[in-house]
Amino acid sequence: MPEAFNEDERHLKLLSMFHYIVAGLVALFSCIFIAHLIIGIIAIVSPQMFKGNDGSLPPPFFGWIFALIGGIAVLSGWVFAVCLILAGRFLARRKRYLFCLVMAGISCMFVPFGTILGIFTIIILQRPAVREQFK
């Protein structure tokens, strides 16, 4: 039994560390949408920069749509990254079992790294010995 306990400890420590790594990747990839946010702001402030060959300007809502979608994408990516960091922290401290399990499921949407992390986290968290450590 002590060997299994040590193995579970090691797995939880690794999962915690990988949550931090995937959170960093999520935050980094969500920064890509800052370009959309900037394009939207430029289109709102200075629409003449997007003048067509025939001299026509884009519709006024063009900039707002770009800025809104870019802002939502950046914000949701950063919130997801913070939640992954919290899940890694909770795994290390053996707290908030359900939060860790839900975040494992949600992280499966971030293909391929989040999917791998989520599946392994769900498998490890379903072990009875690991479940006991969270009580």
N, C-alpha and C. Protein backbone atom coordinates (compact mmCIF):
# COMPACT_ATOMS: atom_id res chain seq x y z
N MET A 1 0.80 -1.20 0.00
CA MET A 1 0.00 0.00 0.00
C MET A 1 0.85 1.28 0.00
N PRO A 2 1.94 1.37 0.71
CA PRO A 2 2.73 2.59 0.67
C PRO A 2 3.28 2.89 -0.72
N GLU A 3 3.58 1.85 -1.52
CA GLU A 3 4.08 2.10 -2.87
C GLU A 3 3.01 2.79 -3.72
N ALA A 4 1.76 2.33 -3.61
CA ALA A 4 0.68 2.94 -4.36
C ALA A 4 0.47 4.38 -3.92
N PHE A 5 0.61 4.63 -2.63
CA PHE A 5 0.46 5.99 -2.11
C PHE A 5 1.55 6.90 -2.68
N ASN A 6 2.78 6.40 -2.73
CA ASN A 6 3.88 7.20 -3.29
C ASN A 6 3.66 7.46 -4.78
N GLU A 7 3.14 6.45 -5.47
CA GLU A 7 2.87 6.61 -6.90
C GLU A 7 1.78 7.65 -7.12
N ASP A 8 0.72 7.60 -6.31
CA ASP A 8 -0.35 8.60 -6.42
C ASP A 8 0.18 9.99 -6.11
N GLU A 9 1.03 10.10 -5.11
CA GLU A 9 1.63 11.39 -4.77
C GLU A 9 2.43 11.94 -5.95
N ARG A 10 3.21 11.08 -6.55
CA ARG A 10 4.03 11.49 -7.69
C ARG A 10 3.16 11.90 -8.88
N HIS A 11 2.09 11.15 -9.13
CA HIS A 11 1.20 11.48 -10.24
C HIS A 11 0.49 12.81 -10.00
N LEU A 12 0.05 13.05 -8.78
CA LEU A 12 -0.61 14.31 -8.48
C LEU A 12 0.35 15.49 -8.59
N LYS A 13 1.60 15.27 -8.19
CA LYS A 13 2.61 16.32 -8.30
C LYS A 13 2.87 16.65 -9.77
N LEU A 14 2.98 15.61 -10.61
CA LEU A 14 3.18 15.82 -12.04
C LEU A 14 1.98 16.50 -12.69
N LEU A 15 0.78 16.06 -12.30
CA LEU A 15 -0.42 16.68 -12.86
C LEU A 15 -0.48 18.16 -12.49
N SER A 16 -0.13 18.47 -11.27
CA SER A 16 -0.11 19.87 -10.84
C SER A 16 0.85 20.68 -11.70
N MET A 17 2.03 20.15 -11.91
CA MET A 17 3.04 20.85 -12.71
C MET A 17 2.56 21.02 -14.16
N PHE A 18 1.96 20.00 -14.73
CA PHE A 18 1.49 20.08 -16.11
C PHE A 18 0.30 21.03 -16.24
N HIS A 19 -0.48 21.20 -15.18
CA HIS A 19 -1.55 22.19 -15.23
C HIS A 19 -0.96 23.59 -15.40
N TYR A 20 0.14 23.87 -14.71
CA TYR A 20 0.79 25.17 -14.85
C TYR A 20 1.33 25.37 -16.26
N ILE A 21 1.90 24.32 -16.82
CA ILE A 21 2.47 24.42 -18.17
C ILE A 21 1.37 24.65 -19.21
N VAL A 22 0.29 23.89 -19.12
CA VAL A 22 -0.81 24.05 -20.08
C VAL A 22 -1.48 25.41 -19.89
N ALA A 23 -1.56 25.89 -18.65
CA ALA A 23 -2.12 27.22 -18.41
C ALA A 23 -1.28 28.29 -19.10
N GLY A 24 0.02 28.14 -19.07
CA GLY A 24 0.89 29.08 -19.76
C GLY A 24 0.69 29.04 -21.26
N LEU A 25 0.51 27.84 -21.81
CA LEU A 25 0.26 27.71 -23.25
C LEU A 25 -1.09 28.33 -23.63
N VAL A 26 -2.09 28.10 -22.81
CA VAL A 26 -3.42 28.67 -23.08
C VAL A 26 -3.34 30.20 -23.07
N ALA A 27 -2.67 30.75 -22.06
CA ALA A 27 -2.54 32.21 -21.98
C ALA A 27 -1.78 32.76 -23.18
N LEU A 28 -0.74 32.05 -23.59
CA LEU A 28 0.04 32.49 -24.75
C LEU A 28 -0.78 32.44 -26.04
N PHE A 29 -1.48 31.35 -26.26
CA PHE A 29 -2.27 31.22 -27.49
C PHE A 29 -3.44 32.18 -27.52
N SER A 30 -3.99 32.52 -26.36
CA SER A 30 -5.11 33.46 -26.37
C SER A 30 -4.65 34.88 -26.68
N CYS A 31 -3.36 35.14 -26.54
CA CYS A 31 -2.82 36.47 -26.89
C CYS A 31 -2.85 36.71 -28.40
N ILE A 32 -3.00 35.67 -29.19
CA ILE A 32 -3.09 35.82 -30.64
C ILE A 32 -4.27 36.72 -31.01
N PHE A 33 -5.33 36.66 -30.22
CA PHE A 33 -6.54 37.43 -30.52
C PHE A 33 -6.40 38.91 -30.17
N ILE A 34 -5.28 39.28 -29.56
CA ILE A 34 -5.03 40.70 -29.33
C ILE A 34 -4.93 41.43 -30.67
N ALA A 35 -4.44 40.75 -31.70
CA ALA A 35 -4.37 41.34 -33.04
C ALA A 35 -5.77 41.71 -33.54
N HIS A 36 -6.76 40.85 -33.30
CA HIS A 36 -8.13 41.15 -33.70
C HIS A 36 -8.67 42.35 -32.92
N LEU A 37 -8.34 42.40 -31.66
CA LEU A 37 -8.77 43.51 -30.82
C LEU A 37 -8.18 44.83 -31.34
N ILE A 38 -6.90 44.82 -31.68
CA ILE A 38 -6.24 46.02 -32.20
C ILE A 38 -6.83 46.44 -33.54
N ILE A 39 -7.06 45.47 -34.43
CA ILE A 39 -7.67 45.78 -35.73
C ILE A 39 -9.06 46.40 -35.52
N GLY A 40 -9.82 45.85 -34.59
CA GLY A 40 -11.14 46.40 -34.31
C GLY A 40 -11.07 47.81 -33.77
N ILE A 41 -10.15 48.08 -32.86
CA ILE A 41 -10.01 49.42 -32.30
C ILE A 41 -9.57 50.41 -33.38
N ILE A 42 -8.65 49.99 -34.24
CA ILE A 42 -8.21 50.87 -35.34
C ILE A 42 -9.38 51.16 -36.28
N ALA A 43 -10.19 50.15 -36.55
CA ALA A 43 -11.33 50.35 -37.46
C ALA A 43 -12.37 51.28 -36.83
N ILE A 44 -12.48 51.28 -35.50
CA ILE A 44 -13.42 52.17 -34.83
C ILE A 44 -12.89 53.60 -34.84
N VAL A 45 -11.62 53.75 -34.48
CA VAL A 45 -11.02 55.08 -34.34
C VAL A 45 -10.70 55.72 -35.69
N SER A 46 -10.17 54.92 -36.60
CA SER A 46 -9.72 55.47 -37.88
C SER A 46 -10.19 54.59 -39.04
N PRO A 47 -11.48 54.65 -39.38
CA PRO A 47 -12.00 53.75 -40.43
C PRO A 47 -11.43 54.03 -41.82
N GLN A 48 -10.88 55.22 -42.06
CA GLN A 48 -10.35 55.54 -43.39
C GLN A 48 -9.14 54.67 -43.73
N MET A 49 -8.52 54.01 -42.73
CA MET A 49 -7.39 53.12 -43.02
C MET A 49 -7.84 51.86 -43.77
N PHE A 50 -9.15 51.57 -43.69
CA PHE A 50 -9.68 50.37 -44.33
C PHE A 50 -10.50 50.72 -45.58
N LYS A 51 -10.18 51.85 -46.19
CA LYS A 51 -10.90 52.30 -47.37
C LYS A 51 -10.64 51.33 -48.52
N GLY A 52 -11.68 50.97 -49.22
CA GLY A 52 -11.55 50.06 -50.35
C GLY A 52 -11.00 50.75 -51.59
N ASN A 53 -10.76 49.99 -52.66
CA ASN A 53 -10.25 50.53 -53.92
C ASN A 53 -11.22 51.54 -54.53
N ASP A 54 -12.50 51.35 -54.29
CA ASP A 54 -13.50 52.26 -54.85
C ASP A 54 -13.78 53.45 -53.93
N GLY A 55 -13.04 53.55 -52.82
CA GLY A 55 -13.19 54.69 -51.91
C GLY A 55 -14.23 54.50 -50.84
N SER A 56 -14.88 53.31 -50.82
CA SER A 56 -15.91 53.08 -49.81
C SER A 56 -15.30 52.65 -48.48
N LEU A 57 -15.93 53.05 -47.41
CA LEU A 57 -15.49 52.69 -46.06
C LEU A 57 -16.23 51.44 -45.60
N PRO A 58 -15.64 50.66 -44.72
CA PRO A 58 -16.35 49.49 -44.19
C PRO A 58 -17.51 49.96 -43.32
N PRO A 59 -18.50 49.10 -43.12
CA PRO A 59 -19.63 49.47 -42.27
C PRO A 59 -19.14 49.79 -40.84
N PRO A 60 -19.82 50.67 -40.13
CA PRO A 60 -19.37 51.08 -38.80
C PRO A 60 -19.28 49.93 -37.78
N PHE A 61 -20.13 48.93 -37.93
CA PHE A 61 -20.11 47.82 -36.97
C PHE A 61 -18.94 46.88 -37.18
N PHE A 62 -18.22 47.02 -38.30
CA PHE A 62 -17.07 46.16 -38.60
C PHE A 62 -16.04 46.19 -37.47
N GLY A 63 -15.66 47.37 -37.06
CA GLY A 63 -14.66 47.51 -35.99
C GLY A 63 -15.17 47.00 -34.67
N TRP A 64 -16.44 47.26 -34.38
CA TRP A 64 -17.02 46.80 -33.11
C TRP A 64 -17.06 45.29 -33.03
N ILE A 65 -17.38 44.63 -34.13
CA ILE A 65 -17.43 43.16 -34.14
C ILE A 65 -16.03 42.59 -33.92
N PHE A 66 -15.05 43.13 -34.63
CA PHE A 66 -13.67 42.66 -34.47
C PHE A 66 -13.19 42.86 -33.03
N ALA A 67 -13.43 44.06 -32.48
CA ALA A 67 -12.98 44.36 -31.12
C ALA A 67 -13.70 43.49 -30.10
N LEU A 68 -14.99 43.29 -30.28
CA LEU A 68 -15.76 42.49 -29.34
C LEU A 68 -15.32 41.03 -29.35
N ILE A 69 -15.21 40.45 -30.53
CA ILE A 69 -14.81 39.05 -30.63
C ILE A 69 -13.37 38.86 -30.13
N GLY A 70 -12.47 39.75 -30.51
CA GLY A 70 -11.09 39.67 -30.04
C GLY A 70 -10.98 39.81 -28.54
N GLY A 71 -11.73 40.78 -27.98
CA GLY A 71 -11.70 40.99 -26.53
C GLY A 71 -12.26 39.80 -25.77
N ILE A 72 -13.36 39.25 -26.25
CA ILE A 72 -13.95 38.08 -25.59
C ILE A 72 -13.01 36.88 -25.66
N ALA A 73 -12.38 36.68 -26.80
CA ALA A 73 -11.46 35.54 -26.95
C ALA A 73 -10.25 35.67 -26.02
N VAL A 74 -9.68 36.87 -25.93
CA VAL A 74 -8.52 37.08 -25.05
C VAL A 74 -8.94 36.89 -23.60
N LEU A 75 -10.04 37.52 -23.22
CA LEU A 75 -10.49 37.45 -21.83
C LEU A 75 -10.84 36.02 -21.42
N SER A 76 -11.55 35.30 -22.27
CA SER A 76 -11.93 33.93 -21.92
C SER A 76 -10.71 33.02 -21.86
N GLY A 77 -9.73 33.24 -22.73
CA GLY A 77 -8.50 32.44 -22.68
C GLY A 77 -7.73 32.68 -21.40
N TRP A 78 -7.65 33.95 -20.99
CA TRP A 78 -6.92 34.27 -19.76
C TRP A 78 -7.66 33.75 -18.53
N VAL A 79 -8.99 33.80 -18.54
CA VAL A 79 -9.76 33.24 -17.42
C VAL A 79 -9.57 31.73 -17.34
N PHE A 80 -9.58 31.09 -18.49
CA PHE A 80 -9.34 29.64 -18.53
C PHE A 80 -7.95 29.30 -18.00
N ALA A 81 -6.96 30.11 -18.37
CA ALA A 81 -5.59 29.88 -17.88
C ALA A 81 -5.52 30.04 -16.36
N VAL A 82 -6.19 31.04 -15.82
CA VAL A 82 -6.20 31.24 -14.36
C VAL A 82 -6.89 30.06 -13.68
N CYS A 83 -7.97 29.57 -14.26
CA CYS A 83 -8.67 28.41 -13.68
C CYS A 83 -7.78 27.17 -13.72
N LEU A 84 -7.00 27.00 -14.77
CA LEU A 84 -6.06 25.87 -14.83
C LEU A 84 -4.97 26.01 -13.77
N ILE A 85 -4.49 27.23 -13.55
CA ILE A 85 -3.50 27.44 -12.49
C ILE A 85 -4.10 27.11 -11.14
N LEU A 86 -5.33 27.53 -10.90
CA LEU A 86 -6.00 27.19 -9.64
C LEU A 86 -6.18 25.69 -9.49
N ALA A 87 -6.55 25.02 -10.57
CA ALA A 87 -6.70 23.56 -10.51
C ALA A 87 -5.37 22.89 -10.17
N GLY A 88 -4.28 23.37 -10.76
CA GLY A 88 -2.96 22.83 -10.43
C GLY A 88 -2.62 23.05 -8.97
N ARG A 89 -2.95 24.22 -8.48
CA ARG A 89 -2.71 24.54 -7.06
C ARG A 89 -3.55 23.65 -6.15
N PHE A 90 -4.81 23.47 -6.51
CA PHE A 90 -5.69 22.62 -5.69
C PHE A 90 -5.25 21.16 -5.73
N LEU A 91 -4.75 20.71 -6.87
CA LEU A 91 -4.23 19.34 -6.95
C LEU A 91 -3.03 19.17 -6.02
N ALA A 92 -2.16 20.15 -5.99
CA ALA A 92 -0.99 20.08 -5.12
C ALA A 92 -1.37 20.08 -3.66
N ARG A 93 -2.43 20.80 -3.33
CA ARG A 93 -2.87 20.89 -1.93
C ARG A 93 -3.94 19.86 -1.55
N ARG A 94 -4.39 19.08 -2.52
CA ARG A 94 -5.43 18.07 -2.31
C ARG A 94 -6.71 18.70 -1.80
N LYS A 95 -7.14 19.76 -2.48
CA LYS A 95 -8.37 20.46 -2.12
C LYS A 95 -9.25 20.61 -3.34
N ARG A 96 -10.53 20.79 -3.12
CA ARG A 96 -11.52 21.08 -4.16
C ARG A 96 -11.50 20.05 -5.28
N TYR A 97 -11.84 18.85 -4.90
CA TYR A 97 -11.84 17.70 -5.82
C TYR A 97 -12.74 17.97 -7.03
N LEU A 98 -13.96 18.44 -6.77
CA LEU A 98 -14.91 18.63 -7.86
C LEU A 98 -14.43 19.70 -8.85
N PHE A 99 -13.84 20.79 -8.34
CA PHE A 99 -13.30 21.83 -9.23
C PHE A 99 -12.23 21.24 -10.14
N CYS A 100 -11.33 20.43 -9.56
CA CYS A 100 -10.26 19.81 -10.35
C CYS A 100 -10.83 18.88 -11.41
N LEU A 101 -11.86 18.14 -11.05
CA LEU A 101 -12.48 17.22 -11.99
C LEU A 101 -13.19 17.98 -13.12
N VAL A 102 -13.89 19.06 -12.78
CA VAL A 102 -14.58 19.85 -13.80
C VAL A 102 -13.56 20.51 -14.74
N MET A 103 -12.50 21.05 -14.17
CA MET A 103 -11.47 21.68 -15.00
C MET A 103 -10.77 20.65 -15.90
N ALA A 104 -10.63 19.43 -15.42
CA ALA A 104 -10.07 18.37 -16.27
C ALA A 104 -10.95 18.13 -17.48
N GLY A 105 -12.27 18.14 -17.27
CA GLY A 105 -13.20 17.96 -18.38
C GLY A 105 -13.16 19.12 -19.35
N ILE A 106 -13.13 20.33 -18.81
CA ILE A 106 -13.11 21.52 -19.66
C ILE A 106 -11.79 21.62 -20.43
N SER A 107 -10.70 21.22 -19.79
CA SER A 107 -9.40 21.33 -20.46
C SER A 107 -9.29 20.40 -21.67
N CYS A 108 -10.16 19.41 -21.75
CA CYS A 108 -10.15 18.52 -22.91
C CYS A 108 -10.45 19.27 -24.21
N MET A 109 -11.04 20.46 -24.12
CA MET A 109 -11.34 21.24 -25.33
C MET A 109 -10.09 21.87 -25.93
N PHE A 110 -9.03 22.04 -25.14
CA PHE A 110 -7.80 22.65 -25.63
C PHE A 110 -6.93 21.55 -26.23
N VAL A 111 -7.17 21.26 -27.50
CA VAL A 111 -6.51 20.16 -28.20
C VAL A 111 -5.11 20.58 -28.62
N PRO A 112 -4.12 19.73 -28.54
CA PRO A 112 -4.03 18.39 -28.00
C PRO A 112 -3.57 18.35 -26.54
N PHE A 113 -2.90 19.41 -26.08
CA PHE A 113 -2.29 19.36 -24.75
C PHE A 113 -3.33 19.26 -23.64
N GLY A 114 -4.38 20.07 -23.72
CA GLY A 114 -5.43 20.05 -22.71
C GLY A 114 -6.18 18.73 -22.70
N THR A 115 -6.35 18.14 -23.88
CA THR A 115 -7.04 16.86 -23.96
C THR A 115 -6.25 15.77 -23.23
N ILE A 116 -4.98 15.73 -23.48
CA ILE A 116 -4.12 14.74 -22.81
C ILE A 116 -4.12 14.98 -21.31
N LEU A 117 -3.95 16.24 -20.91
CA LEU A 117 -3.94 16.58 -19.49
C LEU A 117 -5.27 16.25 -18.83
N GLY A 118 -6.36 16.60 -19.49
CA GLY A 118 -7.69 16.34 -18.94
C GLY A 118 -7.97 14.86 -18.75
N ILE A 119 -7.63 14.07 -19.74
CA ILE A 119 -7.88 12.62 -19.65
C ILE A 119 -7.06 12.00 -18.53
N PHE A 120 -5.78 12.34 -18.46
CA PHE A 120 -4.96 11.78 -17.39
C PHE A 120 -5.42 12.27 -16.02
N THR A 121 -5.84 13.51 -15.93
CA THR A 121 -6.33 14.03 -14.64
C THR A 121 -7.59 13.29 -14.21
N ILE A 122 -8.49 13.08 -15.13
CA ILE A 122 -9.72 12.34 -14.79
C ILE A 122 -9.39 10.93 -14.35
N ILE A 123 -8.48 10.27 -15.05
CA ILE A 123 -8.10 8.89 -14.69
C ILE A 123 -7.49 8.85 -13.29
N ILE A 124 -6.59 9.78 -13.00
CA ILE A 124 -5.92 9.79 -11.70
C ILE A 124 -6.91 10.14 -10.59
N LEU A 125 -7.78 11.12 -10.84
CA LEU A 125 -8.72 11.54 -9.80
C LEU A 125 -9.79 10.50 -9.50
N GLN A 126 -10.02 9.56 -10.39
CA GLN A 126 -11.02 8.53 -10.16
C GLN A 126 -10.51 7.39 -9.27
N ARG A 127 -9.22 7.36 -8.99
CA ARG A 127 -8.69 6.33 -8.12
C ARG A 127 -9.21 6.54 -6.70
N PRO A 128 -9.65 5.46 -6.03
CA PRO A 128 -10.16 5.59 -4.67
C PRO A 128 -9.12 6.16 -3.68
N ALA A 129 -7.86 5.79 -3.83
CA ALA A 129 -6.83 6.27 -2.91
C ALA A 129 -6.62 7.78 -3.10
N VAL A 130 -6.70 8.24 -4.33
CA VAL A 130 -6.53 9.68 -4.59
C VAL A 130 -7.77 10.44 -4.07
N ARG A 131 -8.92 9.87 -4.29
CA ARG A 131 -10.15 10.49 -3.81
C ARG A 131 -10.13 10.68 -2.30
N GLU A 132 -9.58 9.71 -1.62
CA GLU A 132 -9.45 9.80 -0.15
C GLU A 132 -8.54 10.93 0.29
N GLN A 133 -7.51 11.23 -0.50
CA GLN A 133 -6.58 12.30 -0.13
C GLN A 133 -7.23 13.67 -0.18
N PHE A 134 -8.32 13.80 -0.92
CA PHE A 134 -8.99 15.09 -1.04
C PHE A 134 -9.99 15.34 0.08
N LYS A 135 -10.22 14.34 0.92
CA LYS A 135 -11.20 14.51 2.01
C LYS A 135 -10.56 15.11 3.24
